[in-house]
PDB file of all heavy atoms in Angstrom:
ATOM      1  N   ALA A   1     -12.334   4.838  21.161  1.00  0.00           N
ATOM      2  CA  ALA A   1     -12.480   5.967  20.246  1.00  0.00           C
ATOM      3  C   ALA A   1     -13.897   6.049  19.692  1.00  0.00           C
ATOM      4  O   ALA A   1     -14.499   7.133  19.638  1.00  0.00           O
ATOM      5  CB  ALA A   1     -11.466   5.843  19.112  1.00  0.00           C
ATOM      6  N   ALA A   2     -14.446   4.901  19.291  1.00  0.00           N
ATOM      7  CA  ALA A   2     -15.793   4.888  18.728  1.00  0.00           C
ATOM      8  C   ALA A   2     -16.832   5.336  19.749  1.00  0.00           C
ATOM      9  O   ALA A   2     -17.785   6.051  19.415  1.00  0.00           O
ATOM     10  CB  ALA A   2     -16.123   3.491  18.222  1.00  0.00           C
ATOM     11  N   ALA A   3     -16.649   4.928  21.006  1.00  0.00           N
ATOM     12  CA  ALA A   3     -17.609   5.293  22.048  1.00  0.00           C
ATOM     13  C   ALA A   3     -17.635   6.791  22.296  1.00  0.00           C
ATOM     14  O   ALA A   3     -18.626   7.330  22.808  1.00  0.00           O
ATOM     15  CB  ALA A   3     -17.278   4.549  23.344  1.00  0.00           C
ATOM     16  N   HIS A   4     -16.541   7.471  21.941  1.00  0.00           N
ATOM     17  CA  HIS A   4     -16.468   8.910  22.188  1.00  0.00           C
ATOM     18  C   HIS A   4     -16.484   9.716  20.889  1.00  0.00           C
ATOM     19  O   HIS A   4     -16.204  10.922  20.896  1.00  0.00           O
ATOM     20  CB  HIS A   4     -15.207   9.227  23.007  1.00  0.00           C
ATOM     21  CG  HIS A   4     -15.274   8.682  24.401  1.00  0.00           C
ATOM     22  ND1 HIS A   4     -14.935   7.377  24.704  1.00  0.00           N
ATOM     23  CD2 HIS A   4     -15.690   9.243  25.569  1.00  0.00           C
ATOM     24  CE1 HIS A   4     -15.119   7.163  25.997  1.00  0.00           C
ATOM     25  NE2 HIS A   4     -15.579   8.280  26.542  1.00  0.00           N
ATOM     26  N   HIS A   5     -16.774   9.031  19.790  1.00  0.00           N
ATOM     27  CA  HIS A   5     -16.966   9.680  18.484  1.00  0.00           C
ATOM     28  C   HIS A   5     -15.726  10.476  18.059  1.00  0.00           C
ATOM     29  O   HIS A   5     -15.825  11.606  17.570  1.00  0.00           O
ATOM     30  CB  HIS A   5     -18.196  10.595  18.519  1.00  0.00           C
ATOM     31  CG  HIS A   5     -19.419   9.920  19.051  1.00  0.00           C
ATOM     32  ND1 HIS A   5     -20.080   8.924  18.361  1.00  0.00           N
ATOM     33  CD2 HIS A   5     -20.085  10.069  20.236  1.00  0.00           C
ATOM     34  CE1 HIS A   5     -21.107   8.506  19.087  1.00  0.00           C
ATOM     35  NE2 HIS A   5     -21.130   9.178  20.226  1.00  0.00           N
ATOM     36  N   ILE A   6     -14.559   9.866  18.287  1.00  0.00           N
ATOM     37  CA  ILE A   6     -13.302  10.475  17.848  1.00  0.00           C
ATOM     38  C   ILE A   6     -12.496   9.427  17.092  1.00  0.00           C
ATOM     39  O   ILE A   6     -12.771   8.221  17.182  1.00  0.00           O
ATOM     40  CB  ILE A   6     -12.469  11.008  19.036  1.00  0.00           C
ATOM     41  CG1 ILE A   6     -12.125   9.879  20.008  1.00  0.00           C
ATOM     42  CG2 ILE A   6     -13.199  12.148  19.741  1.00  0.00           C
ATOM     43  CD1 ILE A   6     -11.224  10.309  21.162  1.00  0.00           C
ATOM     44  N   SER A   7     -11.500   9.875  16.353  1.00  0.00           N
ATOM     45  CA  SER A   7     -10.649   8.932  15.624  1.00  0.00           C
ATOM     46  C   SER A   7      -9.620   8.316  16.566  1.00  0.00           C
ATOM     47  O   SER A   7      -9.302   8.874  17.626  1.00  0.00           O
ATOM     48  CB  SER A   7      -9.918   9.656  14.484  1.00  0.00           C
ATOM     49  OG  SER A   7      -8.982  10.583  15.013  1.00  0.00           O
ATOM     50  N   ARG A   8      -9.091   7.155  16.180  1.00  0.00           N
ATOM     51  CA  ARG A   8      -8.061   6.529  16.992  1.00  0.00           C
ATOM     52  C   ARG A   8      -6.813   7.415  17.073  1.00  0.00           C
ATOM     53  O   ARG A   8      -6.158   7.480  18.118  1.00  0.00           O
ATOM     54  CB  ARG A   8      -7.696   5.152  16.438  1.00  0.00           C
ATOM     55  CG  ARG A   8      -8.640   4.048  16.923  1.00  0.00           C
ATOM     56  CD  ARG A   8      -8.235   2.702  16.404  1.00  0.00           C
ATOM     57  NE  ARG A   8      -8.501   2.586  14.969  1.00  0.00           N
ATOM     58  CZ  ARG A   8      -8.163   1.538  14.228  1.00  0.00           C
ATOM     59  NH1 ARG A   8      -7.537   0.519  14.772  1.00  0.00           N
ATOM     60  NH2 ARG A   8      -8.457   1.507  12.945  1.00  0.00           N
ATOM     61  N   SER A   9      -6.489   8.089  16.000  1.00  0.00           N
ATOM     62  CA  SER A   9      -5.298   8.932  16.015  1.00  0.00           C
ATOM     63  C   SER A   9      -5.458  10.080  17.022  1.00  0.00           C
ATOM     64  O   SER A   9      -4.502  10.439  17.721  1.00  0.00           O
ATOM     65  CB  SER A   9      -5.012   9.488  14.617  1.00  0.00           C
ATOM     66  OG  SER A   9      -6.105  10.259  14.146  1.00  0.00           O
ATOM     67  N   TYR A  10      -6.679  10.639  17.111  1.00  0.00           N
ATOM     68  CA  TYR A  10      -6.908  11.705  18.089  1.00  0.00           C
ATOM     69  C   TYR A  10      -6.848  11.142  19.505  1.00  0.00           C
ATOM     70  O   TYR A  10      -6.300  11.771  20.421  1.00  0.00           O
ATOM     71  CB  TYR A  10      -8.253  12.378  17.832  1.00  0.00           C
ATOM     72  CG  TYR A  10      -8.527  13.549  18.746  1.00  0.00           C
ATOM     73  CD1 TYR A  10      -7.600  14.578  18.892  1.00  0.00           C
ATOM     74  CD2 TYR A  10      -9.719  13.641  19.465  1.00  0.00           C
ATOM     75  CE1 TYR A  10      -7.848  15.655  19.732  1.00  0.00           C
ATOM     76  CE2 TYR A  10      -9.973  14.716  20.305  1.00  0.00           C
ATOM     77  CZ  TYR A  10      -9.034  15.715  20.430  1.00  0.00           C
ATOM     78  OH  TYR A  10      -9.274  16.775  21.257  1.00  0.00           O
ATOM     79  N   LEU A  11      -7.387   9.934  19.699  1.00  0.00           N
ATOM     80  CA  LEU A  11      -7.304   9.272  21.004  1.00  0.00           C
ATOM     81  C   LEU A  11      -5.841   9.084  21.402  1.00  0.00           C
ATOM     82  O   LEU A  11      -5.463   9.352  22.548  1.00  0.00           O
ATOM     83  CB  LEU A  11      -8.015   7.918  20.948  1.00  0.00           C
ATOM     84  CG  LEU A  11      -7.909   7.043  22.207  1.00  0.00           C
ATOM     85  CD1 LEU A  11      -8.657   7.685  23.376  1.00  0.00           C
ATOM     86  CD2 LEU A  11      -8.451   5.640  21.931  1.00  0.00           C
ATOM     87  N   TYR A  12      -5.021   8.618  20.467  1.00  0.00           N
ATOM     88  CA  TYR A  12      -3.601   8.417  20.760  1.00  0.00           C
ATOM     89  C   TYR A  12      -2.938   9.737  21.159  1.00  0.00           C
ATOM     90  O   TYR A  12      -2.127   9.781  22.089  1.00  0.00           O
ATOM     91  CB  TYR A  12      -2.879   7.829  19.549  1.00  0.00           C
ATOM     92  CG  TYR A  12      -3.350   6.443  19.154  1.00  0.00           C
ATOM     93  CD1 TYR A  12      -3.316   6.034  17.827  1.00  0.00           C
ATOM     94  CD2 TYR A  12      -3.825   5.553  20.113  1.00  0.00           C
ATOM     95  CE1 TYR A  12      -3.746   4.772  17.452  1.00  0.00           C
ATOM     96  CE2 TYR A  12      -4.267   4.286  19.741  1.00  0.00           C
ATOM     97  CZ  TYR A  12      -4.230   3.898  18.414  1.00  0.00           C
ATOM     98  OH  TYR A  12      -4.655   2.645  18.057  1.00  0.00           O
ATOM     99  N   ARG A  13      -3.293  10.821  20.488  1.00  0.00           N
ATOM    100  CA  ARG A  13      -2.683  12.117  20.801  1.00  0.00           C
ATOM    101  C   ARG A  13      -3.079  12.589  22.203  1.00  0.00           C
ATOM    102  O   ARG A  13      -2.260  13.183  22.919  1.00  0.00           O
ATOM    103  CB  ARG A  13      -3.091  13.170  19.768  1.00  0.00           C
ATOM    104  CG  ARG A  13      -2.440  12.971  18.406  1.00  0.00           C
ATOM    105  CD  ARG A  13      -2.497  14.248  17.567  1.00  0.00           C
ATOM    106  NE  ARG A  13      -3.861  14.693  17.309  1.00  0.00           N
ATOM    107  CZ  ARG A  13      -4.604  14.286  16.300  1.00  0.00           C
ATOM    108  NH1 ARG A  13      -4.138  13.369  15.440  1.00  0.00           N
ATOM    109  NH2 ARG A  13      -5.831  14.758  16.115  1.00  0.00           N
ATOM    110  N   LEU A  14      -4.328  12.333  22.605  1.00  0.00           N
ATOM    111  CA  LEU A  14      -4.770  12.723  23.945  1.00  0.00           C
ATOM    112  C   LEU A  14      -3.928  12.046  25.016  1.00  0.00           C
ATOM    113  O   LEU A  14      -3.521  12.678  26.005  1.00  0.00           O
ATOM    114  CB  LEU A  14      -6.248  12.363  24.148  1.00  0.00           C
ATOM    115  CG  LEU A  14      -7.286  13.196  23.395  1.00  0.00           C
ATOM    116  CD1 LEU A  14      -8.672  12.605  23.593  1.00  0.00           C
ATOM    117  CD2 LEU A  14      -7.263  14.658  23.845  1.00  0.00           C
ATOM    118  N   PHE A  15      -3.652  10.766  24.839  1.00  0.00           N
ATOM    119  CA  PHE A  15      -2.880  10.034  25.844  1.00  0.00           C
ATOM    120  C   PHE A  15      -1.383  10.321  25.720  1.00  0.00           C
ATOM    121  O   PHE A  15      -0.666  10.296  26.726  1.00  0.00           O
ATOM    122  CB  PHE A  15      -3.173   8.537  25.760  1.00  0.00           C
ATOM    123  CG  PHE A  15      -4.419   8.147  26.502  1.00  0.00           C
ATOM    124  CD1 PHE A  15      -5.673   8.374  25.950  1.00  0.00           C
ATOM    125  CD2 PHE A  15      -4.360   7.591  27.762  1.00  0.00           C
ATOM    126  CE1 PHE A  15      -6.835   8.050  26.639  1.00  0.00           C
ATOM    127  CE2 PHE A  15      -5.506   7.255  28.466  1.00  0.00           C
ATOM    128  CZ  PHE A  15      -6.747   7.486  27.904  1.00  0.00           C
ATOM    129  N   GLN A  16      -0.905  10.589  24.514  1.00  0.00           N
ATOM    130  CA  GLN A  16       0.494  10.975  24.356  1.00  0.00           C
ATOM    131  C   GLN A  16       0.788  12.249  25.131  1.00  0.00           C
ATOM    132  O   GLN A  16       1.887  12.420  25.679  1.00  0.00           O
ATOM    133  CB  GLN A  16       0.817  11.169  22.873  1.00  0.00           C
ATOM    134  CG  GLN A  16       0.959   9.853  22.103  1.00  0.00           C
ATOM    135  CD  GLN A  16       1.037  10.068  20.600  1.00  0.00           C
ATOM    136  OE1 GLN A  16       0.955  11.200  20.115  1.00  0.00           O
ATOM    137  NE2 GLN A  16       1.186   8.975  19.857  1.00  0.00           N
ATOM    138  N   ALA A  17      -0.197  13.147  25.196  1.00  0.00           N
ATOM    139  CA  ALA A  17      -0.021  14.385  25.959  1.00  0.00           C
ATOM    140  C   ALA A  17       0.171  14.099  27.441  1.00  0.00           C
ATOM    141  O   ALA A  17       0.713  14.933  28.178  1.00  0.00           O
ATOM    142  CB  ALA A  17      -1.227  15.303  25.755  1.00  0.00           C
ATOM    143  N   GLU A  18      -0.267  12.922  27.901  1.00  0.00           N
ATOM    144  CA  GLU A  18      -0.102  12.533  29.298  1.00  0.00           C
ATOM    145  C   GLU A  18       1.077  11.587  29.479  1.00  0.00           C
ATOM    146  O   GLU A  18       1.312  11.059  30.575  1.00  0.00           O
ATOM    147  CB  GLU A  18      -1.387  11.878  29.806  1.00  0.00           C
ATOM    148  CG  GLU A  18      -2.603  12.770  29.651  1.00  0.00           C
ATOM    149  CD  GLU A  18      -3.553  12.661  30.810  1.00  0.00           C
ATOM    150  OE1 GLU A  18      -3.503  11.649  31.533  1.00  0.00           O
ATOM    151  OE2 GLU A  18      -4.336  13.606  31.012  1.00  0.00           O
ATOM    152  N   GLY A  19       1.807  11.332  28.399  1.00  0.00           N
ATOM    153  CA  GLY A  19       3.011  10.519  28.486  1.00  0.00           C
ATOM    154  C   GLY A  19       2.781   9.029  28.548  1.00  0.00           C
ATOM    155  O   GLY A  19       3.637   8.287  29.057  1.00  0.00           O
ATOM    156  N   ILE A  20       1.656   8.554  28.024  1.00  0.00           N
ATOM    157  CA  ILE A  20       1.365   7.124  28.068  1.00  0.00           C
ATOM    158  C   ILE A  20       0.526   6.745  26.855  1.00  0.00           C
ATOM    159  O   ILE A  20      -0.255   7.556  26.350  1.00  0.00           O
ATOM    160  CB  ILE A  20       0.626   6.732  29.377  1.00  0.00           C
ATOM    161  CG1 ILE A  20       0.513   5.212  29.508  1.00  0.00           C
ATOM    162  CG2 ILE A  20      -0.746   7.396  29.441  1.00  0.00           C
ATOM    163  CD1 ILE A  20      -0.035   4.763  30.849  1.00  0.00           C
ATOM    164  N   ALA A  21       0.708   5.519  26.379  1.00  0.00           N
ATOM    165  CA  ALA A  21      -0.121   5.014  25.287  1.00  0.00           C
ATOM    166  C   ALA A  21      -1.445   4.524  25.857  1.00  0.00           C
ATOM    167  O   ALA A  21      -1.500   3.999  26.972  1.00  0.00           O
ATOM    168  CB  ALA A  21       0.596   3.878  24.565  1.00  0.00           C
ATOM    169  N   VAL A  22      -2.527   4.670  25.103  1.00  0.00           N
ATOM    170  CA  VAL A  22      -3.831   4.273  25.617  1.00  0.00           C
ATOM    171  C   VAL A  22      -3.874   2.781  25.917  1.00  0.00           C
ATOM    172  O   VAL A  22      -4.469   2.346  26.915  1.00  0.00           O
ATOM    173  CB  VAL A  22      -4.958   4.685  24.633  1.00  0.00           C
ATOM    174  CG1 VAL A  22      -4.786   4.010  23.284  1.00  0.00           C
ATOM    175  CG2 VAL A  22      -6.325   4.382  25.225  1.00  0.00           C
ATOM    176  N   SER A  23      -3.232   1.953  25.078  1.00  0.00           N
ATOM    177  CA  SER A  23      -3.212   0.508  25.341  1.00  0.00           C
ATOM    178  C   SER A  23      -2.468   0.201  26.633  1.00  0.00           C
ATOM    179  O   SER A  23      -2.866  -0.700  27.399  1.00  0.00           O
ATOM    180  CB  SER A  23      -2.571  -0.236  24.168  1.00  0.00           C
ATOM    181  OG  SER A  23      -1.265   0.250  23.917  1.00  0.00           O
ATOM    182  N   SER A  24      -1.401   0.951  26.918  1.00  0.00           N
ATOM    183  CA  SER A  24      -0.657   0.760  28.164  1.00  0.00           C
ATOM    184  C   SER A  24      -1.502   1.179  29.363  1.00  0.00           C
ATOM    185  O   SER A  24      -1.459   0.537  30.422  1.00  0.00           O
ATOM    186  CB  SER A  24       0.644   1.560  28.142  1.00  0.00           C
ATOM    187  OG  SER A  24       1.489   1.121  27.105  1.00  0.00           O
ATOM    188  N   TYR A  25      -2.278   2.254  29.210  1.00  0.00           N
ATOM    189  CA  TYR A  25      -3.148   2.698  30.298  1.00  0.00           C
ATOM    190  C   TYR A  25      -4.175   1.617  30.637  1.00  0.00           C
ATOM    191  O   TYR A  25      -4.407   1.302  31.807  1.00  0.00           O
ATOM    192  CB  TYR A  25      -3.855   3.996  29.910  1.00  0.00           C
ATOM    193  CG  TYR A  25      -4.753   4.543  30.990  1.00  0.00           C
ATOM    194  CD1 TYR A  25      -4.248   5.281  32.045  1.00  0.00           C
ATOM    195  CD2 TYR A  25      -6.129   4.296  30.961  1.00  0.00           C
ATOM    196  CE1 TYR A  25      -5.069   5.771  33.045  1.00  0.00           C
ATOM    197  CE2 TYR A  25      -6.958   4.772  31.963  1.00  0.00           C
ATOM    198  CZ  TYR A  25      -6.428   5.513  32.995  1.00  0.00           C
ATOM    199  OH  TYR A  25      -7.254   5.984  33.995  1.00  0.00           O
ATOM    200  N   ILE A  26      -4.779   1.037  29.601  1.00  0.00           N
ATOM    201  CA  ILE A  26      -5.770  -0.024  29.823  1.00  0.00           C
ATOM    202  C   ILE A  26      -5.113  -1.216  30.518  1.00  0.00           C
ATOM    203  O   ILE A  26      -5.636  -1.753  31.497  1.00  0.00           O
ATOM    204  CB  ILE A  26      -6.398  -0.466  28.482  1.00  0.00           C
ATOM    205  CG1 ILE A  26      -7.237   0.679  27.896  1.00  0.00           C
ATOM    206  CG2 ILE A  26      -7.255  -1.713  28.670  1.00  0.00           C
ATOM    207  CD1 ILE A  26      -7.721   0.416  26.482  1.00  0.00           C
ATOM    208  N   ARG A  27      -3.952  -1.652  30.007  1.00  0.00           N
ATOM    209  CA  ARG A  27      -3.264  -2.798  30.602  1.00  0.00           C
ATOM    210  C   ARG A  27      -2.896  -2.532  32.058  1.00  0.00           C
ATOM    211  O   ARG A  27      -3.117  -3.376  32.940  1.00  0.00           O
ATOM    212  CB  ARG A  27      -2.002  -3.110  29.795  1.00  0.00           C
ATOM    213  CG  ARG A  27      -1.199  -4.317  30.316  1.00  0.00           C
ATOM    214  CD  ARG A  27       0.218  -4.297  29.800  1.00  0.00           C
ATOM    215  NE  ARG A  27       0.924  -3.112  30.283  1.00  0.00           N
ATOM    216  CZ  ARG A  27       1.697  -2.355  29.516  1.00  0.00           C
ATOM    217  NH1 ARG A  27       1.849  -2.617  28.226  1.00  0.00           N
ATOM    218  NH2 ARG A  27       2.315  -1.303  30.041  1.00  0.00           N
ATOM    219  N   ASP A  28      -2.344  -1.352  32.340  1.00  0.00           N
ATOM    220  CA  ASP A  28      -1.897  -1.054  33.694  1.00  0.00           C
ATOM    221  C   ASP A  28      -3.054  -0.969  34.674  1.00  0.00           C
ATOM    222  O   ASP A  28      -2.944  -1.410  35.824  1.00  0.00           O
ATOM    223  CB  ASP A  28      -1.106   0.263  33.714  1.00  0.00           C
ATOM    224  CG  ASP A  28       0.241   0.144  33.008  1.00  0.00           C
ATOM    225  OD1 ASP A  28       0.643  -0.997  32.693  1.00  0.00           O
ATOM    226  OD2 ASP A  28       0.881   1.186  32.770  1.00  0.00           O
TER     227      ASP A  28
END
């Protein structure tokens, strides 16, 4: 989130729209 100058909550919403949590995307 910091690297893209957005809040963590906005980052979470972006990935929720794709049906996955950002932490799960990184792990997978």
